[in-house]
PDB file of N, CA and C in Angstrom:
ATOM      1  N   UNK A   1     -14.838 -18.998  11.625  1.00  0.00           N
ATOM      2  CA  UNK A   1     -13.998 -18.163  11.352  1.00  0.00           C
ATOM      3  C   UNK A   1     -12.601 -17.969  11.136  1.00  0.00           C
ATOM      4  N   UNK A   2     -11.877 -16.969  10.115  1.00  0.00           N
ATOM      5  CA  UNK A   2     -11.050 -17.251  10.080  1.00  0.00           C
ATOM      6  C   UNK A   2      -9.008 -17.244  11.177  1.00  0.00           C
ATOM      7  N   UNK A   3      -9.662 -16.344  11.983  1.00  0.00           N
ATOM      8  CA  UNK A   3      -8.722 -16.340  13.136  1.00  0.00           C
ATOM      9  C   UNK A   3      -8.756 -17.888  13.840  1.00  0.00           C
ATOM     10  N   UNK A   4      -9.651 -18.107  14.196  1.00  0.00           N
ATOM     11  CA  UNK A   4      -9.681 -19.737  14.855  1.00  0.00           C
ATOM     12  C   UNK A   4      -9.282 -20.622  13.822  1.00  0.00           C
ATOM     13  N   UNK A   5      -9.940 -20.957  12.373  1.00  0.00           N
ATOM     14  CA  UNK A   5      -9.323 -21.621  11.768  1.00  0.00           C
ATOM     15  C   UNK A   5      -7.540 -21.494  11.471  1.00  0.00           C
ATOM     16  N   UNK A   6      -6.986 -20.409  11.603  1.00  0.00           N
ATOM     17  CA  UNK A   6      -5.016 -19.725  11.593  1.00  0.00           C
ATOM     18  C   UNK A   6      -5.382 -20.522  13.037  1.00  0.00           C
ATOM     19  N   UNK A   7      -5.880 -20.181  13.684  1.00  0.00           N
ATOM     20  CA  UNK A   7      -5.210 -20.531  15.066  1.00  0.00           C
ATOM     21  C   UNK A   7      -5.127 -22.145  15.067  1.00  0.00           C
ATOM     22  N   UNK A   8      -6.239 -22.809  14.967  1.00  0.00           N
ATOM     23  CA  UNK A   8      -6.126 -23.847  14.473  1.00  0.00           C
ATOM     24  C   UNK A   8      -4.967 -24.907  13.784  1.00  0.00           C
ATOM     25  N   UNK A   9      -4.619 -24.433  12.473  1.00  0.00           N
ATOM     26  CA  UNK A   9      -3.740 -25.096  11.512  1.00  0.00           C
ATOM     27  C   UNK A   9      -2.331 -24.323  12.354  1.00  0.00           C
ATOM     28  N   UNK A  10      -1.975 -23.557  12.887  1.00  0.00           N
ATOM     29  CA  UNK A  10      -0.974 -23.344  13.907  1.00  0.00           C
ATOM     30  C   UNK A  10      -0.767 -23.804  15.337  1.00  0.00           C
ATOM     31  N   UNK A  11      -1.605 -24.343  15.551  1.00  0.00           N
ATOM     32  CA  UNK A  11      -1.819 -25.247  16.908  1.00  0.00           C
ATOM     33  C   UNK A  11      -1.698 -24.330  18.129  1.00  0.00           C
ATOM     34  N   UNK A  12      -2.172 -22.889  17.891  1.00  0.00           N
ATOM     35  CA  UNK A  12      -2.273 -22.283  18.466  1.00  0.00           C
ATOM     36  C   UNK A  12      -3.784 -21.593  19.327  1.00  0.00           C
ATOM     37  N   UNK A  13      -3.574 -21.082  19.980  1.00  0.00           N
ATOM     38  CA  UNK A  13      -4.879 -20.846  21.090  1.00  0.00           C
ATOM     39  C   UNK A  13      -6.010 -19.250  20.068  1.00  0.00           C
ATOM     40  N   UNK A  14      -6.679 -19.610  20.166  1.00  0.00           N
ATOM     41  CA  UNK A  14      -7.832 -18.612  19.820  1.00  0.00           C
ATOM     42  C   UNK A  14      -8.542 -17.418  20.712  1.00  0.00           C
ATOM     43  N   UNK A  15      -8.306 -16.258  20.827  1.00  0.00           N
ATOM     44  CA  UNK A  15      -9.632 -15.405  21.035  1.00  0.00           C
ATOM     45  C   UNK A  15     -10.429 -14.190  20.219  1.00  0.00           C
ATOM     46  N   UNK A  16     -11.127 -14.031  20.725  1.00  0.00           N
ATOM     47  CA  UNK A  16     -11.921 -12.762  19.929  1.00  0.00           C
ATOM     48  C   UNK A  16     -12.090 -11.311  21.018  1.00  0.00           C
ATOM     49  N   UNK A  17     -12.318 -10.752  19.738  1.00  0.00           N
ATOM     50  CA  UNK A  17     -12.027  -9.563  20.517  1.00  0.00           C
ATOM     51  C   UNK A  17     -13.632  -8.987  19.634  1.00  0.00           C
ATOM     52  N   UNK A  18     -14.079  -7.684  20.663  1.00  0.00           N
ATOM     53  CA  UNK A  18     -15.359  -6.943  19.540  1.00  0.00           C
ATOM     54  C   UNK A  18     -16.039  -6.233  20.490  1.00  0.00           C
ATOM     55  N   UNK A  19     -16.338  -5.003  19.880  1.00  0.00           N
ATOM     56  CA  UNK A  19     -16.507  -3.706  20.402  1.00  0.00           C
ATOM     57  C   UNK A  19     -17.793  -3.705  21.357  1.00  0.00           C
ATOM     58  N   UNK A  20     -17.669  -2.899  22.573  1.00  0.00           N
ATOM     59  CA  UNK A  20     -18.637  -2.863  23.785  1.00  0.00           C
ATOM     60  C   UNK A  20     -18.593  -1.629  24.233  1.00  0.00           C
ATOM     61  N   UNK A  21     -19.738  -0.733  23.660  1.00  0.00           N
ATOM     62  CA  UNK A  21     -19.348   0.721  24.103  1.00  0.00           C
ATOM     63  C   UNK A  21     -18.774   1.114  22.729  1.00  0.00           C
ATOM     64  N   UNK A  22     -18.490   1.210  21.780  1.00  0.00           N
ATOM     65  CA  UNK A  22     -17.784   1.499  20.776  1.00  0.00           C
ATOM     66  C   UNK A  22     -16.253   1.387  21.040  1.00  0.00           C
ATOM     67  N   UNK A  23     -16.009   0.596  21.959  1.00  0.00           N
ATOM     68  CA  UNK A  23     -14.744   0.162  22.387  1.00  0.00           C
ATOM     69  C   UNK A  23     -13.979  -0.976  22.105  1.00  0.00           C
ATOM     70  N   UNK A  24     -12.711  -1.680  21.088  1.00  0.00           N
ATOM     71  CA  UNK A  24     -12.473  -2.852  20.989  1.00  0.00           C
ATOM     72  C   UNK A  24     -12.374  -3.210  21.935  1.00  0.00           C
ATOM     73  N   UNK A  25     -12.447  -4.895  22.419  1.00  0.00           N
ATOM     74  CA  UNK A  25     -12.117  -5.016  24.231  1.00  0.00           C
ATOM     75  C   UNK A  25     -12.295  -6.694  23.794  1.00  0.00           C
ATOM     76  N   UNK A  26     -11.844  -7.697  24.449  1.00  0.00           N
ATOM     77  CA  UNK A  26     -12.069  -8.785  24.856  1.00  0.00           C
ATOM     78  C   UNK A  26     -12.947  -9.404  25.976  1.00  0.00           C
ATOM     79  N   UNK A  27     -14.126 -10.015  25.661  1.00  0.00           N
ATOM     80  CA  UNK A  27     -15.416 -10.191  25.800  1.00  0.00           C
ATOM     81  C   UNK A  27     -15.294 -11.948  25.743  1.00  0.00           C
ATOM     82  N   UNK A  28     -16.648 -12.284  26.561  1.00  0.00           N
ATOM     83  CA  UNK A  28     -16.970 -13.449  26.288  1.00  0.00           C
ATOM     84  C   UNK A  28     -16.366 -14.030  27.292  1.00  0.00           C
ATOM     85  N   UNK A  29     -15.580 -13.691  28.532  1.00  0.00           N
ATOM     86  CA  UNK A  29     -15.007 -14.816  28.931  1.00  0.00           C
ATOM     87  C   UNK A  29     -13.109 -15.043  28.385  1.00  0.00           C
ATOM     88  N   UNK A  30     -13.084 -14.271  27.383  1.00  0.00           N
ATOM     89  CA  UNK A  30     -11.171 -14.699  26.728  1.00  0.00           C
ATOM     90  C   UNK A  30     -10.551 -13.679  27.378  1.00  0.00           C
ATOM     91  N   UNK A  31      -9.446 -13.771  27.758  1.00  0.00           N
ATOM     92  CA  UNK A  31      -7.764 -13.369  28.152  1.00  0.00           C
ATOM     93  C   UNK A  31      -6.626 -13.717  27.854  1.00  0.00           C
ATOM     94  N   UNK A  32      -5.770 -12.804  27.952  1.00  0.00           N
ATOM     95  CA  UNK A  32      -4.726 -13.740  27.109  1.00  0.00           C
ATOM     96  C   UNK A  32      -3.461 -12.911  28.819  1.00  0.00           C
ATOM     97  N   UNK A  33      -2.561 -13.727  28.571  1.00  0.00           N
ATOM     98  CA  UNK A  33      -1.584 -13.837  29.213  1.00  0.00           C
ATOM     99  C   UNK A  33      -0.892 -12.695  29.414  1.00  0.00           C
ATOM    100  N   UNK A  34       0.292 -11.932  30.602  1.00  0.00           N
ATOM    101  CA  UNK A  34       0.967 -10.981  30.192  1.00  0.00           C
ATOM    102  C   UNK A  34       2.580 -11.446  29.885  1.00  0.00           C
ATOM    103  N   UNK A  35       2.571 -10.883  28.394  1.00  0.00           N
ATOM    104  CA  UNK A  35       3.351 -11.227  27.842  1.00  0.00           C
ATOM    105  C   UNK A  35       2.961 -11.963  26.479  1.00  0.00           C
ATOM    106  N   UNK A  36       2.015 -12.549  26.860  1.00  0.00           N
ATOM    107  CA  UNK A  36       1.376 -13.452  25.786  1.00  0.00           C
ATOM    108  C   UNK A  36       1.643 -13.428  23.835  1.00  0.00           C
ATOM    109  N   UNK A  37       2.607 -14.018  23.490  1.00  0.00           N
ATOM    110  CA  UNK A  37       2.467 -13.665  21.716  1.00  0.00           C
ATOM    111  C   UNK A  37       1.122 -13.974  21.419  1.00  0.00           C
ATOM    112  N   UNK A  38       0.738 -12.926  20.311  1.00  0.00           N
ATOM    113  CA  UNK A  38      -0.472 -12.917  20.084  1.00  0.00           C
ATOM    114  C   UNK A  38      -0.212 -12.661  18.005  1.00  0.00           C
ATOM    115  N   UNK A  39      -0.843 -12.980  17.324  1.00  0.00           N
ATOM    116  CA  UNK A  39      -1.390 -12.616  15.796  1.00  0.00           C
ATOM    117  C   UNK A  39      -2.453 -12.141  15.704  1.00  0.00           C
ATOM    118  N   UNK A  40      -3.088 -11.346  15.178  1.00  0.00           N
ATOM    119  CA  UNK A  40      -4.240 -10.760  15.088  1.00  0.00           C
ATOM    120  C   UNK A  40      -4.529 -11.275  13.606  1.00  0.00           C
ATOM    121  N   UNK A  41      -5.783 -11.820  13.220  1.00  0.00           N
ATOM    122  CA  UNK A  41      -6.278 -12.301  12.006  1.00  0.00           C
ATOM    123  C   UNK A  41      -7.478 -11.580  11.655  1.00  0.00           C
ATOM    124  N   UNK A  42      -7.130 -11.187   9.915  1.00  0.00           N
ATOM    125  CA  UNK A  42      -8.649 -10.369   9.651  1.00  0.00           C
ATOM    126  C   UNK A  42      -8.806 -10.721   8.602  1.00  0.00           C
ATOM    127  N   UNK A  43     -10.017 -10.689   8.062  1.00  0.00           N
ATOM    128  CA  UNK A  43     -10.526 -10.730   6.771  1.00  0.00           C
ATOM    129  C   UNK A  43     -10.406 -10.166   5.786  1.00  0.00           C
ATOM    130  N   UNK A  44     -10.389  -9.095   5.810  1.00  0.00           N
ATOM    131  CA  UNK A  44      -9.783  -7.782   4.882  1.00  0.00           C
ATOM    132  C   UNK A  44      -9.871  -7.118   5.728  1.00  0.00           C
ATOM    133  N   UNK A  45      -8.467  -6.311   5.363  1.00  0.00           N
ATOM    134  CA  UNK A  45      -7.980  -4.924   5.970  1.00  0.00           C
ATOM    135  C   UNK A  45      -8.003  -3.262   4.729  1.00  0.00           C
ATOM    136  N   UNK A  46      -8.901  -2.666   5.806  1.00  0.00           N
ATOM    137  CA  UNK A  46      -9.367  -2.027   4.290  1.00  0.00           C
ATOM    138  C   UNK A  46      -8.355  -0.452   4.484  1.00  0.00           C
ATOM    139  N   UNK A  47      -8.793   0.321   6.062  1.00  0.00           N
ATOM    140  CA  UNK A  47      -7.673   1.188   6.485  1.00  0.00           C
ATOM    141  C   UNK A  47      -6.958   1.021   7.288  1.00  0.00           C
ATOM    142  N   UNK A  48      -7.158  -0.595   8.229  1.00  0.00           N
ATOM    143  CA  UNK A  48      -6.333  -0.810   9.337  1.00  0.00           C
ATOM    144  C   UNK A  48      -6.835  -0.592  10.459  1.00  0.00           C
ATOM    145  N   UNK A  49      -7.910   0.422  10.167  1.00  0.00           N
ATOM    146  CA  UNK A  49      -8.779   0.876  11.717  1.00  0.00           C
ATOM    147  C   UNK A  49      -8.932  -0.274  12.837  1.00  0.00           C
ATOM    148  N   UNK A  50      -9.849  -0.862  12.241  1.00  0.00           N
ATOM    149  CA  UNK A  50      -9.912  -2.208  13.354  1.00  0.00           C
ATOM    150  C   UNK A  50      -9.019  -2.994  13.767  1.00  0.00           C
ATOM    151  N   UNK A  51      -8.047  -3.271  13.078  1.00  0.00           N
ATOM    152  CA  UNK A  51      -7.009  -3.783  13.230  1.00  0.00           C
ATOM    153  C   UNK A  51      -6.465  -3.296  14.623  1.00  0.00           C
ATOM    154  N   UNK A  52      -6.116  -1.990  14.016  1.00  0.00           N
ATOM    155  CA  UNK A  52      -5.174  -0.874  15.104  1.00  0.00           C
ATOM    156  C   UNK A  52      -6.403  -1.370  16.518  1.00  0.00           C
ATOM    157  N   UNK A  53      -7.379  -1.174  16.643  1.00  0.00           N
ATOM    158  CA  UNK A  53      -8.286  -1.292  17.638  1.00  0.00           C
ATOM    159  C   UNK A  53      -8.137  -2.792  18.226  1.00  0.00           C
ATOM    160  N   UNK A  54      -8.064  -3.324  17.522  1.00  0.00           N
ATOM    161  CA  UNK A  54      -7.984  -4.856  18.135  1.00  0.00           C
ATOM    162  C   UNK A  54      -5.960  -4.944  18.726  1.00  0.00           C
ATOM    163  N   UNK A  55      -5.895  -4.938  17.809  1.00  0.00           N
ATOM    164  CA  UNK A  55      -4.016  -4.402  18.774  1.00  0.00           C
ATOM    165  C   UNK A  55      -3.805  -3.602  19.861  1.00  0.00           C
ATOM    166  N   UNK A  56      -4.753  -1.992  20.086  1.00  0.00           N
ATOM    167  CA  UNK A  56      -4.536  -1.829  21.153  1.00  0.00           C
ATOM    168  C   UNK A  56      -5.041  -2.958  22.374  1.00  0.00           C
ATOM    169  N   UNK A  57      -6.704  -3.161  22.214  1.00  0.00           N
ATOM    170  CA  UNK A  57      -6.883  -4.254  22.894  1.00  0.00           C
ATOM    171  C   UNK A  57      -6.430  -4.870  23.733  1.00  0.00           C
ATOM    172  N   UNK A  58      -5.602  -6.233  23.100  1.00  0.00           N
ATOM    173  CA  UNK A  58      -4.784  -7.082  23.498  1.00  0.00           C
ATOM    174  C   UNK A  58      -3.542  -6.579  23.779  1.00  0.00           C
ATOM    175  N   UNK A  59      -3.049  -5.385  23.642  1.00  0.00           N
ATOM    176  CA  UNK A  59      -2.205  -4.910  24.487  1.00  0.00           C
ATOM    177  C   UNK A  59      -2.602  -4.541  25.489  1.00  0.00           C
ATOM    178  N   UNK A  60      -3.534  -3.894  25.604  1.00  0.00           N
ATOM    179  CA  UNK A  60      -4.019  -3.324  27.065  1.00  0.00           C
ATOM    180  C   UNK A  60      -4.514  -4.191  28.358  1.00  0.00           C
ATOM    181  N   UNK A  61      -4.719  -5.671  27.185  1.00  0.00           N
ATOM    182  CA  UNK A  61      -4.954  -6.686  27.897  1.00  0.00           C
ATOM    183  C   UNK A  61      -3.437  -7.488  28.677  1.00  0.00           C
ATOM    184  N   UNK A  62      -2.596  -7.099  28.465  1.00  0.00           N
ATOM    185  CA  UNK A  62      -1.259  -7.585  28.355  1.00  0.00           C
ATOM    186  C   UNK A  62      -0.594  -8.524  27.125  1.00  0.00           C
ATOM    187  N   UNK A  63      -1.502  -8.370  26.141  1.00  0.00           N
ATOM    188  CA  UNK A  63      -0.717  -9.193  25.298  1.00  0.00           C
ATOM    189  C   UNK A  63       0.632  -8.638  24.740  1.00  0.00           C
ATOM    190  N   UNK A  64       1.500  -9.859  23.733  1.00  0.00           N
ATOM    191  CA  UNK A  64       2.731  -9.044  22.776  1.00  0.00           C
ATOM    192  C   UNK A  64       2.537  -9.264  21.696  1.00  0.00           C
ATOM    193  N   UNK A  65       1.638  -8.313  20.844  1.00  0.00           N
ATOM    194  CA  UNK A  65       1.105  -8.359  19.023  1.00  0.00           C
ATOM    195  C   UNK A  65       2.353  -8.903  18.459  1.00  0.00           C
ATOM    196  N   UNK A  66       2.768  -9.459  17.542  1.00  0.00           N
ATOM    197  CA  UNK A  66       3.347  -9.699  16.693  1.00  0.00           C
ATOM    198  C   UNK A  66       3.924  -9.335  15.464  1.00  0.00           C
ATOM    199  N   UNK A  67       2.344  -9.002  15.182  1.00  0.00           N
ATOM    200  CA  UNK A  67       1.833  -9.063  13.706  1.00  0.00           C
ATOM    201  C   UNK A  67       0.963  -9.023  13.282  1.00  0.00           C
ATOM    202  N   UNK A  68       0.081  -9.054  12.553  1.00  0.00           N
ATOM    203  CA  UNK A  68      -0.996  -8.626  11.879  1.00  0.00           C
ATOM    204  C   UNK A  68      -1.149  -9.640  10.498  1.00  0.00           C
ATOM    205  N   UNK A  69      -2.347 -10.331  10.343  1.00  0.00           N
ATOM    206  CA  UNK A  69      -2.575 -10.893   8.492  1.00  0.00           C
ATOM    207  C   UNK A  69      -3.965 -10.958   8.415  1.00  0.00           C
ATOM    208  N   UNK A  70      -4.169 -10.913   6.579  1.00  0.00           N
ATOM    209  CA  UNK A  70      -5.271 -10.771   6.431  1.00  0.00           C
ATOM    210  C   UNK A  70      -5.176 -11.563   5.217  1.00  0.00           C
ATOM    211  N   UNK A  71      -6.810 -11.995   4.308  1.00  0.00           N
ATOM    212  CA  UNK A  71      -7.152 -12.376   3.816  1.00  0.00           C
ATOM    213  C   UNK A  71      -6.307 -11.822   2.475  1.00  0.00           C
ATOM    214  N   UNK A  72      -7.212 -10.144   2.506  1.00  0.00           N
ATOM    215  CA  UNK A  72      -6.897  -9.702   1.465  1.00  0.00           C
ATOM    216  C   UNK A  72      -6.804  -8.375   2.063  1.00  0.00           C
ATOM    217  N   UNK A  73      -5.491  -6.993   1.373  1.00  0.00           N
ATOM    218  CA  UNK A  73      -5.423  -5.873   2.452  1.00  0.00           C
ATOM    219  C   UNK A  73      -5.801  -5.041   0.751  1.00  0.00           C
ATOM    220  N   UNK A  74      -6.643  -4.145   1.014  1.00  0.00           N
ATOM    221  CA  UNK A  74      -7.263  -3.527  -0.081  1.00  0.00           C
ATOM    222  C   UNK A  74      -6.315  -2.177   0.411  1.00  0.00           C
ATOM    223  N   UNK A  75      -5.494  -2.111   1.027  1.00  0.00           N
ATOM    224  CA  UNK A  75      -4.588  -0.603   1.111  1.00  0.00           C
ATOM    225  C   UNK A  75      -3.134  -1.009   0.565  1.00  0.00           C
ATOM    226  N   UNK A  76      -3.190  -2.074   0.174  1.00  0.00           N
ATOM    227  CA  UNK A  76      -1.521  -2.262  -1.185  1.00  0.00           C
ATOM    228  C   UNK A  76      -0.937  -2.297   0.119  1.00  0.00           C
ATOM    229  N   UNK A  77      -1.014  -2.929   1.441  1.00  0.00           N
ATOM    230  CA  UNK A  77       0.381  -2.860   1.979  1.00  0.00           C
ATOM    231  C   UNK A  77       0.283  -0.987   2.850  1.00  0.00           C
ATOM    232  N   UNK A  78      -0.364  -0.035   2.869  1.00  0.00           N
ATOM    233  CA  UNK A  78      -0.356   0.995   3.705  1.00  0.00           C
ATOM    234  C   UNK A  78      -1.329   1.301   4.684  1.00  0.00           C
ATOM    235  N   UNK A  79      -1.620   0.062   5.291  1.00  0.00           N
ATOM    236  CA  UNK A  79      -2.170   0.307   6.456  1.00  0.00           C
ATOM    237  C   UNK A  79      -2.063   0.812   7.320  1.00  0.00           C
ATOM    238  N   UNK A  80      -1.016   0.510   7.635  1.00  0.00           N
ATOM    239  CA  UNK A  80       0.081   1.010   9.412  1.00  0.00           C
ATOM    240  C   UNK A  80      -0.542   0.283  10.262  1.00  0.00           C
ATOM    241  N   UNK A  81      -0.158  -0.819  10.586  1.00  0.00           N
ATOM    242  CA  UNK A  81      -1.376  -0.954  12.015  1.00  0.00           C
ATOM    243  C   UNK A  81      -0.074  -1.303  13.342  1.00  0.00           C
ATOM    244  N   UNK A  82       0.854  -1.281  13.073  1.00  0.00           N
ATOM    245  CA  UNK A  82       1.929  -0.709  14.080  1.00  0.00           C
ATOM    246  C   UNK A  82       2.780  -1.812  14.329  1.00  0.00           C
ATOM    247  N   UNK A  83       2.584  -3.267  13.880  1.00  0.00           N
ATOM    248  CA  UNK A  83       3.209  -4.199  13.823  1.00  0.00           C
ATOM    249  C   UNK A  83       3.351  -4.774  12.011  1.00  0.00           C
ATOM    250  N   UNK A  84       4.410  -5.442  12.059  1.00  0.00           N
ATOM    251  CA  UNK A  84       4.478  -6.438  10.471  1.00  0.00           C
ATOM    252  C   UNK A  84       2.943  -6.838   9.954  1.00  0.00           C
ATOM    253  N   UNK A  85       2.767  -6.186   8.937  1.00  0.00           N
ATOM    254  CA  UNK A  85       1.361  -7.257   8.199  1.00  0.00           C
ATOM    255  C   UNK A  85       1.768  -7.879   7.156  1.00  0.00           C
ATOM    256  N   UNK A  86       0.757  -8.877   6.923  1.00  0.00           N
ATOM    257  CA  UNK A  86       1.203 -10.008   6.171  1.00  0.00           C
ATOM    258  C   UNK A  86      -0.511 -10.019   5.357  1.00  0.00           C
ATOM    259  N   UNK A  87      -0.606 -10.420   3.743  1.00  0.00           N
ATOM    260  CA  UNK A  87      -1.717 -10.601   3.552  1.00  0.00           C
ATOM    261  C   UNK A  87      -1.499 -11.570   1.943  1.00  0.00           C
ATOM    262  N   UNK A  88      -2.501 -12.738   1.905  1.00  0.00           N
ATOM    263  CA  UNK A  88      -2.371 -13.167   1.125  1.00  0.00           C
ATOM    264  C   UNK A  88      -2.618 -12.564  -0.105  1.00  0.00           C
ATOM    265  N   UNK A  89      -3.727 -11.404  -0.457  1.00  0.00           N
ATOM    266  CA  UNK A  89      -3.804 -10.807  -1.681  1.00  0.00           C
ATOM    267  C   UNK A  89      -3.451  -9.144  -1.393  1.00  0.00           C
ATOM    268  N   UNK A  90      -2.733  -8.558  -1.715  1.00  0.00           N
ATOM    269  CA  UNK A  90      -2.667  -7.179  -1.428  1.00  0.00           C
ATOM    270  C   UNK A  90      -3.152  -6.901  -2.689  1.00  0.00           C
ATOM    271  N   UNK A  91      -4.180  -5.148  -2.878  1.00  0.00           N
ATOM    272  CA  UNK A  91      -4.861  -4.727  -3.591  1.00  0.00           C
ATOM    273  C   UNK A  91      -4.587  -3.552  -3.540  1.00  0.00           C
ATOM    274  N   UNK A  92      -4.700  -2.627  -4.412  1.00  0.00           N
ATOM    275  CA  UNK A  92      -4.728  -1.023  -4.466  1.00  0.00           C
ATOM    276  C   UNK A  92      -6.080  -0.298  -4.789  1.00  0.00           C
ATOM    277  N   UNK A  93      -7.101  -0.012  -3.916  1.00  0.00           N
ATOM    278  CA  UNK A  93      -8.304   0.564  -4.319  1.00  0.00           C
ATOM    279  C   UNK A  93      -8.566   1.580  -3.947  1.00  0.00           C
ATOM    280  N   UNK A  94      -8.518   2.196  -5.248  1.00  0.00           N
ATOM    281  CA  UNK A  94      -8.994   3.857  -4.969  1.00  0.00           C
ATOM    282  C   UNK A  94     -10.255   4.198  -4.575  1.00  0.00           C
ATOM    283  N   UNK A  95      -9.866   5.305  -4.154  1.00  0.00           N
ATOM    284  CA  UNK A  95     -10.600   6.709  -3.761  1.00  0.00           C
ATOM    285  C   UNK A  95     -11.151   7.358  -4.961  1.00  0.00           C
ATOM    286  N   UNK A  96     -12.274   8.130  -4.932  1.00  0.00           N
ATOM    287  CA  UNK A  96     -12.803   8.637  -6.408  1.00  0.00           C
ATOM    288  C   UNK A  96     -13.080  10.082  -5.754  1.00  0.00           C
ATOM    289  N   UNK A  97     -12.672  11.576  -5.910  1.00  0.00           N
ATOM    290  CA  UNK A  97     -13.489  12.492  -5.606  1.00  0.00           C
ATOM    291  C   UNK A  97     -15.126  12.651  -5.843  1.00  0.00           C
ATOM    292  N   UNK A  98     -15.644  12.915  -5.155  1.00  0.00           N
ATOM    293  CA  UNK A  98     -16.919  12.906  -5.173  1.00  0.00           C
ATOM    294  C   UNK A  98     -17.631  13.788  -6.490  1.00  0.00           C
ATOM    295  N   UNK A  99     -16.883  14.941  -6.404  1.00  0.00           N
ATOM    296  CA  UNK A  99     -16.690  16.274  -7.623  1.00  0.00           C
ATOM    297  C   UNK A  99     -16.692  15.685  -9.116  1.00  0.00           C
ATOM    298  N   UNK A 100     -15.953  14.567  -9.126  1.00  0.00           N
ATOM    299  CA  UNK A 100     -15.654  13.932 -10.039  1.00  0.00           C
ATOM    300  C   UNK A 100     -15.796  12.500 -10.266  1.00  0.00           C
ATOM    301  N   UNK A 101     -17.123  11.733  -9.366  1.00  0.00           N
ATOM    302  CA  UNK A 101     -17.497  10.462  -9.442  1.00  0.00           C
ATOM    303  C   UNK A 101     -18.590  10.101 -10.034  1.00  0.00           C
ATOM    304  N   UNK A 102     -18.586   9.448 -11.249  1.00  0.00           N
ATOM    305  CA  UNK A 102     -19.578   9.307 -12.062  1.00  0.00           C
ATOM    306  C   UNK A 102     -21.470   8.716 -11.697  1.00  0.00           C
ATOM    307  N   UNK A 103     -20.873   7.944 -10.448  1.00  0.00           N
ATOM    308  CA  UNK A 103     -21.953   7.426  -9.464  1.00  0.00           C
ATOM    309  C   UNK A 103     -22.218   8.646  -8.856  1.00  0.00           C
ATOM    310  N   UNK A 104     -21.632   9.341  -8.211  1.00  0.00           N
ATOM    311  CA  UNK A 104     -22.275  10.500  -7.349  1.00  0.00           C
ATOM    312  C   UNK A 104     -23.013  11.478  -8.347  1.00  0.00           C
ATOM    313  N   UNK A 105     -22.510  11.571  -9.569  1.00  0.00           N
ATOM    314  CA  UNK A 105     -23.254  12.294 -10.346  1.00  0.00           C
ATOM    315  C   UNK A 105     -24.507  11.703 -10.672  1.00  0.00           C
ATOM    316  N   UNK A 106     -24.693  10.600 -10.795  1.00  0.00           N
ATOM    317  CA  UNK A 106     -25.885   9.687 -11.328  1.00  0.00           C
ATOM    318  C   UNK A 106     -27.301  10.238  -9.973  1.00  0.00           C
ATOM    319  N   UNK A 107     -26.710  10.461  -8.493  1.00  0.00           N
ATOM    320  CA  UNK A 107     -27.340   9.895  -7.461  1.00  0.00           C
ATOM    321  C   UNK A 107     -27.167   8.673  -6.696  1.00  0.00           C
ATOM    322  N   UNK A 108     -26.167   7.990  -7.123  1.00  0.00           N
ATOM    323  CA  UNK A 108     -26.235   6.404  -6.681  1.00  0.00           C
ATOM    324  C   UNK A 108     -25.713   6.382  -5.019  1.00  0.00           C
ATOM    325  N   UNK A 109     -26.231   6.046  -4.446  1.00  0.00           N
ATOM    326  CA  UNK A 109     -25.761   6.099  -2.843  1.00  0.00           C
ATOM    327  C   UNK A 109     -24.483   5.379  -2.504  1.00  0.00           C
ATOM    328  N   UNK A 110     -23.905   6.137  -1.774  1.00  0.00           N
ATOM    329  CA  UNK A 110     -21.969   6.040  -1.389  1.00  0.00           C
ATOM    330  C   UNK A 110     -22.479   5.225  -0.269  1.00  0.00           C
ATOM    331  N   UNK A 111     -21.796   3.900  -0.455  1.00  0.00           N
ATOM    332  CA  UNK A 111     -21.505   2.830   0.425  1.00  0.00           C
ATOM    333  C   UNK A 111     -19.968   2.683   0.755  1.00  0.00           C
ATOM    334  N   UNK A 112     -20.049   2.762   2.594  1.00  0.00           N
ATOM    335  CA  UNK A 112     -18.690   2.949   2.952  1.00  0.00           C
ATOM    336  C   UNK A 112     -18.322   1.494   3.237  1.00  0.00           C
ATOM    337  N   UNK A 113     -17.270   1.147   3.001  1.00  0.00           N
ATOM    338  CA  UNK A 113     -17.077  -0.400   2.978  1.00  0.00           C
ATOM    339  C   UNK A 113     -16.490  -0.487   3.982  1.00  0.00           C
ATOM    340  N   UNK A 114     -16.174  -2.053   4.861  1.00  0.00           N
ATOM    341  CA  UNK A 114     -15.643  -2.699   5.915  1.00  0.00           C
ATOM    342  C   UNK A 114     -17.231  -3.510   7.041  1.00  0.00           C
ATOM    343  N   UNK A 115     -16.178  -3.673   8.178  1.00  0.00           N
ATOM    344  CA  UNK A 115     -17.283  -4.605   9.011  1.00  0.00           C
ATOM    345  C   UNK A 115     -18.133  -3.281   9.374  1.00  0.00           C
ATOM    346  N   UNK A 116     -18.464  -2.738   9.262  1.00  0.00           N
ATOM    347  CA  UNK A 116     -19.072  -1.092   9.779  1.00  0.00           C
ATOM    348  C   UNK A 116     -20.009  -0.406   8.410  1.00  0.00           C
ATOM    349  N   UNK A 117     -19.978  -1.206   7.540  1.00  0.00           N
ATOM    350  CA  UNK A 117     -20.828  -0.729   6.735  1.00  0.00           C
ATOM    351  C   UNK A 117     -21.852  -0.168   6.244  1.00  0.00           C
ATOM    352  N   UNK A 118     -21.867   1.090   5.586  1.00  0.00           N
ATOM    353  CA  UNK A 118     -23.164   1.903   6.607  1.00  0.00           C
ATOM    354  C   UNK A 118     -23.291   2.583   4.966  1.00  0.00           C
ATOM    355  N   UNK A 119     -24.519   3.414   4.713  1.00  0.00           N
ATOM    356  CA  UNK A 119     -24.580   4.059   3.724  1.00  0.00           C
ATOM    357  C   UNK A 119     -24.212   5.811   4.271  1.00  0.00           C
ATOM    358  N   UNK A 120     -23.617   6.407   3.011  1.00  0.00           N
ATOM    359  CA  UNK A 120     -23.356   7.730   3.675  1.00  0.00           C
ATOM    360  C   UNK A 120     -23.911   9.050   2.843  1.00  0.00           C
TER     361      UNK A 120
END
């Protein structure tokens, strides 16, 4: 896992968040100390939604989230996660209005990107 390897390279501790009943939370016995400095690490950031949820979960648990990082940032730096955001690669992925989308006109299924991939 990317976060685990980043933590190992930094000589830091790794914790995991995941959704429980639709809300991002620390689970599986992971905890943070009050004021503990944390870095949120993602593989891909598209809108920043999951990153913001992770930051809020860590803050609720008492952590001091100092930054977020990802391998790929598909928002071209515009995700706005509430803390400084760094990425190895930053891309601008454009969205197309369905009225002018050639794939839509051909009836191809729309797939929503991200960790919660779903056909729309």
